[in-house]
Amino acid sequence: MTALLRAVRRQRGLTLESLAEQTGLTKSYLSKIERRQSTPSIAVALKVARALDVDVAQLFSEETADEKIVIDRAGDRRKAAAQRYVALASTTLGKSMSPFVVRPADGAVDEPRPVHTGQEFVFVHAGTVELNYGDQTVRLGPGDSAYFDASISHHFRSIGKAAAEVVVVADNDPNGYRR
C-alpha cells in the first residue's frame, strides 16, 4: 500500500490504535504497512479500506480516474514484479469488485489467514498454487480457478519450480456470500 494509507487515516482523524480496533489488526502490523515494511493480504486491504470508508484501490494508487474503461498493460505490471499484490483498475473508484494480480509466496505465510465478507474468485495464470480453504487443501495449476465464500479462512502459496501468478477478484459486497 502506498503512503496514502497514512494520509487517509490522519485525514479521518484516526490514530493507528483506533484503526487497529476497527479492523481487528494490531497497531504494529498497521504501522509496518504504512512504512512499507509489510505487504497486506487482499483481505487485510479490504478491512482497512472499509474502516477508512475508501475504495480499496485508493490505497494502492496515487491517482484516480473517472473513466468508463481502464486498461492495465502487462508491461506496466512487470515494473512491479517485486510486489506480491498488484491492484488492477486501481484508478477506478466505486468498483463492486477488486481485481488483483497476486504472486504468492512459497512456503509458510507469516500473515493471518484472510477472512472477509463477500466472495472471491481465483484464477491461476501461471505456475501451481496450493489453496487452503477452511479444512480443505486444493492444488490449482495454470487455467484452474476457484470461486468461494471469502468469510471462510483461506490463503494460497506457490508450489513447484515455476513462479506462480494468480488473478484474484474480491467482491466488495459487505453483505457477504449469496447463492
Protein backbone atom coordinates (compact mmCIF):
# COMPACT_ATOMS: atom_id res chain seq x y z
CA MET A 1 0.00 0.00 0.00
CA THR A 2 1.14 3.49 -0.59
CA ALA A 3 1.79 6.35 1.79
CA LEU A 4 -1.82 7.24 1.01
CA LEU A 5 -2.92 4.93 3.84
CA ARG A 6 -1.29 7.15 6.46
CA ALA A 7 -2.67 10.30 4.82
CA VAL A 8 -6.24 8.96 4.67
CA ARG A 9 -6.04 7.65 8.25
CA ARG A 10 -4.88 11.05 9.50
CA GLN A 11 -7.45 12.87 7.38
CA ARG A 12 -10.14 10.78 9.09
CA GLY A 13 -8.67 11.77 12.47
CA LEU A 14 -7.76 8.19 13.33
CA THR A 15 -4.75 7.00 15.27
CA LEU A 16 -3.09 3.70 14.48
CA GLU A 17 -4.64 2.39 17.68
CA SER A 18 -8.20 3.36 16.68
CA LEU A 19 -7.72 1.91 13.18
CA ALA A 20 -6.41 -1.29 14.77
CA GLU A 21 -9.54 -1.51 16.92
CA GLN A 22 -11.81 -1.01 13.90
CA THR A 23 -10.03 -3.59 11.75
CA GLY A 24 -9.05 -6.18 14.35
CA LEU A 25 -5.41 -5.83 13.26
CA THR A 26 -2.52 -4.93 15.52
CA LYS A 27 -1.19 -1.40 15.74
CA SER A 28 2.34 -2.65 14.95
CA TYR A 29 1.14 -4.51 11.82
CA LEU A 30 -0.66 -1.40 10.55
CA SER A 31 2.45 0.66 11.22
CA LYS A 32 4.53 -1.79 9.17
CA ILE A 33 2.06 -1.49 6.31
CA GLU A 34 2.23 2.31 6.43
CA ARG A 35 6.03 2.21 6.40
CA ARG A 36 6.02 -0.34 3.54
CA GLN A 37 7.73 -2.95 5.70
CA SER A 38 4.86 -5.38 5.21
CA THR A 39 2.52 -6.06 2.31
CA PRO A 40 -1.04 -6.75 3.44
CA SER A 41 -3.17 -9.51 2.02
CA ILE A 42 -6.23 -8.61 -0.01
CA ALA A 43 -8.43 -9.40 2.99
CA VAL A 44 -6.44 -7.00 5.16
CA ALA A 45 -6.56 -4.29 2.49
CA LEU A 46 -10.35 -4.71 2.27
CA LYS A 47 -10.70 -4.41 6.07
CA VAL A 48 -8.60 -1.25 6.14
CA ALA A 49 -10.46 0.27 3.19
CA ARG A 50 -13.83 -0.40 4.84
CA ALA A 51 -12.66 1.12 8.12
CA LEU A 52 -11.44 4.22 6.29
CA ASP A 53 -14.53 4.31 4.03
CA VAL A 54 -12.48 4.36 0.83
CA ASP A 55 -12.28 2.15 -2.24
CA VAL A 56 -9.53 -0.41 -1.68
CA ALA A 57 -7.90 0.65 -4.96
CA GLN A 58 -7.25 4.10 -3.48
CA LEU A 59 -4.87 2.51 -1.01
CA PHE A 60 -2.80 1.07 -3.87
CA SER A 61 -2.76 4.06 -6.20
CA GLU A 62 -1.63 7.66 -6.09
CA GLU A 63 -4.10 8.79 -8.74
CA THR A 64 -7.77 8.33 -9.58
CA ALA A 65 -9.73 8.37 -12.79
CA ASP A 66 -13.38 8.76 -13.67
CA GLU A 67 -13.30 6.78 -16.89
CA LYS A 68 -15.71 4.18 -18.25
CA ILE A 69 -12.83 1.83 -19.10
CA VAL A 70 -9.42 1.44 -17.55
CA ILE A 71 -6.69 -0.52 -19.31
CA ASP A 72 -3.89 -2.14 -17.33
CA ARG A 73 -0.91 -3.09 -19.52
CA ALA A 74 1.13 -6.19 -18.74
CA GLY A 75 4.32 -4.20 -19.31
CA ASP A 76 3.37 -1.85 -16.50
CA ARG A 77 2.82 -4.79 -14.15
CA ARG A 78 6.26 -6.17 -14.99
CA LYS A 79 7.72 -2.98 -13.50
CA ALA A 80 6.02 -4.01 -10.25
CA ALA A 81 7.40 -7.56 -10.43
CA ALA A 82 8.75 -7.45 -6.89
CA GLN A 83 5.30 -6.69 -5.44
CA ARG A 84 3.22 -9.57 -4.13
CA TYR A 85 -0.09 -7.81 -4.80
CA VAL A 86 -0.72 -5.57 -7.80
CA ALA A 87 -4.13 -3.90 -7.89
CA LEU A 88 -5.79 -3.83 -11.30
CA ALA A 89 -8.04 -0.93 -12.35
CA SER A 90 -6.62 0.82 -9.29
CA THR A 91 -7.58 4.28 -10.52
CA THR A 92 -11.28 3.39 -10.80
CA LEU A 93 -13.36 4.38 -7.80
CA GLY A 94 -16.62 2.79 -6.65
CA LYS A 95 -15.90 -0.67 -8.04
CA SER A 96 -18.08 -3.57 -6.91
CA MET A 97 -15.11 -5.91 -7.41
CA SER A 98 -11.43 -5.53 -6.53
CA PRO A 99 -9.17 -7.33 -9.02
CA PHE A 100 -5.51 -8.10 -8.24
CA VAL A 101 -2.60 -9.98 -9.73
CA VAL A 102 -1.03 -11.93 -6.88
CA ARG A 103 2.36 -13.55 -6.84
CA PRO A 104 2.00 -15.98 -3.93
CA ALA A 105 4.96 -16.69 -1.70
CA ASP A 106 6.20 -20.23 -1.44
CA GLY A 107 6.48 -21.90 1.93
CA ALA A 108 4.70 -20.85 5.11
CA VAL A 109 2.98 -17.49 5.18
CA ASP A 110 3.50 -15.39 8.33
CA GLU A 111 0.39 -13.25 7.94
CA PRO A 112 -3.04 -14.02 9.37
CA ARG A 113 -5.23 -16.25 7.21
CA PRO A 114 -7.54 -13.89 5.32
CA VAL A 115 -11.22 -13.76 6.10
CA HIS A 116 -13.52 -11.09 4.73
CA THR A 117 -17.12 -10.68 3.73
CA GLY A 118 -18.24 -11.32 0.20
CA GLN A 119 -16.91 -13.70 -2.38
CA GLU A 120 -13.59 -14.29 -4.05
CA PHE A 121 -12.60 -15.65 -7.44
CA VAL A 122 -9.09 -17.02 -8.03
CA PHE A 123 -7.68 -17.88 -11.48
CA VAL A 124 -4.20 -19.36 -11.81
CA HIS A 125 -2.47 -17.70 -14.72
CA ALA A 126 0.96 -19.30 -14.28
CA GLY A 127 2.64 -21.82 -12.00
CA THR A 128 0.95 -24.01 -9.42
CA VAL A 129 -0.59 -22.98 -6.12
CA GLU A 130 -1.94 -24.74 -3.11
CA LEU A 131 -5.20 -23.23 -1.87
CA ASN A 132 -6.04 -23.83 1.77
CA TYR A 133 -9.74 -23.18 2.24
CA GLY A 134 -11.18 -23.95 5.65
CA ASP A 135 -10.06 -27.51 6.29
CA GLN A 136 -9.58 -28.32 2.58
CA THR A 137 -6.35 -28.16 0.59
CA VAL A 138 -6.61 -27.98 -3.19
CA ARG A 139 -3.84 -27.85 -5.80
CA LEU A 140 -4.53 -25.49 -8.71
CA GLY A 141 -2.50 -25.29 -11.92
CA PRO A 142 -2.49 -22.94 -14.92
CA GLY A 143 -6.06 -22.33 -16.12
CA ASP A 144 -7.66 -23.68 -12.93
CA SER A 145 -9.93 -21.46 -10.86
CA ALA A 146 -11.82 -21.38 -7.58
CA TYR A 147 -14.83 -19.35 -6.50
CA PHE A 148 -15.67 -19.26 -2.82
CA ASP A 149 -17.22 -17.63 0.22
CA ALA A 150 -14.43 -15.38 1.49
CA SER A 151 -15.70 -15.48 5.09
CA ILE A 152 -14.07 -18.92 5.38
CA SER A 153 -10.35 -18.83 6.25
CA HIS A 154 -8.27 -19.07 3.07
CA HIS A 155 -4.81 -18.50 1.67
CA PHE A 156 -2.65 -19.85 -1.09
CA ARG A 157 1.03 -20.40 -1.66
CA SER A 158 3.17 -21.13 -4.66
CA ILE A 159 4.35 -24.70 -5.04
CA GLY A 160 6.58 -26.20 -7.69
CA LYS A 161 9.54 -24.77 -9.56
CA ALA A 162 7.79 -22.12 -11.68
CA ALA A 163 6.77 -18.84 -10.06
CA ALA A 164 3.02 -18.60 -9.67
CA GLU A 165 0.85 -15.71 -10.79
CA VAL A 166 -2.81 -15.64 -9.83
CA VAL A 167 -5.66 -13.30 -10.73
CA VAL A 168 -7.84 -12.67 -7.67
CA VAL A 169 -11.14 -10.83 -7.82
CA ALA A 170 -12.62 -9.95 -4.43
CA ASP A 171 -16.25 -8.91 -4.17
CA ASN A 172 -16.70 -5.67 -2.23
CA ASP A 173 -20.23 -6.53 -1.08
CA PRO A 174 -20.29 -6.08 2.70
CA ASN A 175 -23.46 -8.20 2.90
CA GLY A 176 -21.50 -11.39 2.35
CA TYR A 177 -21.92 -14.52 0.25
CA ARG A 178 -25.16 -15.11 -1.63
CA ARG A 179 -26.17 -18.20 -3.59
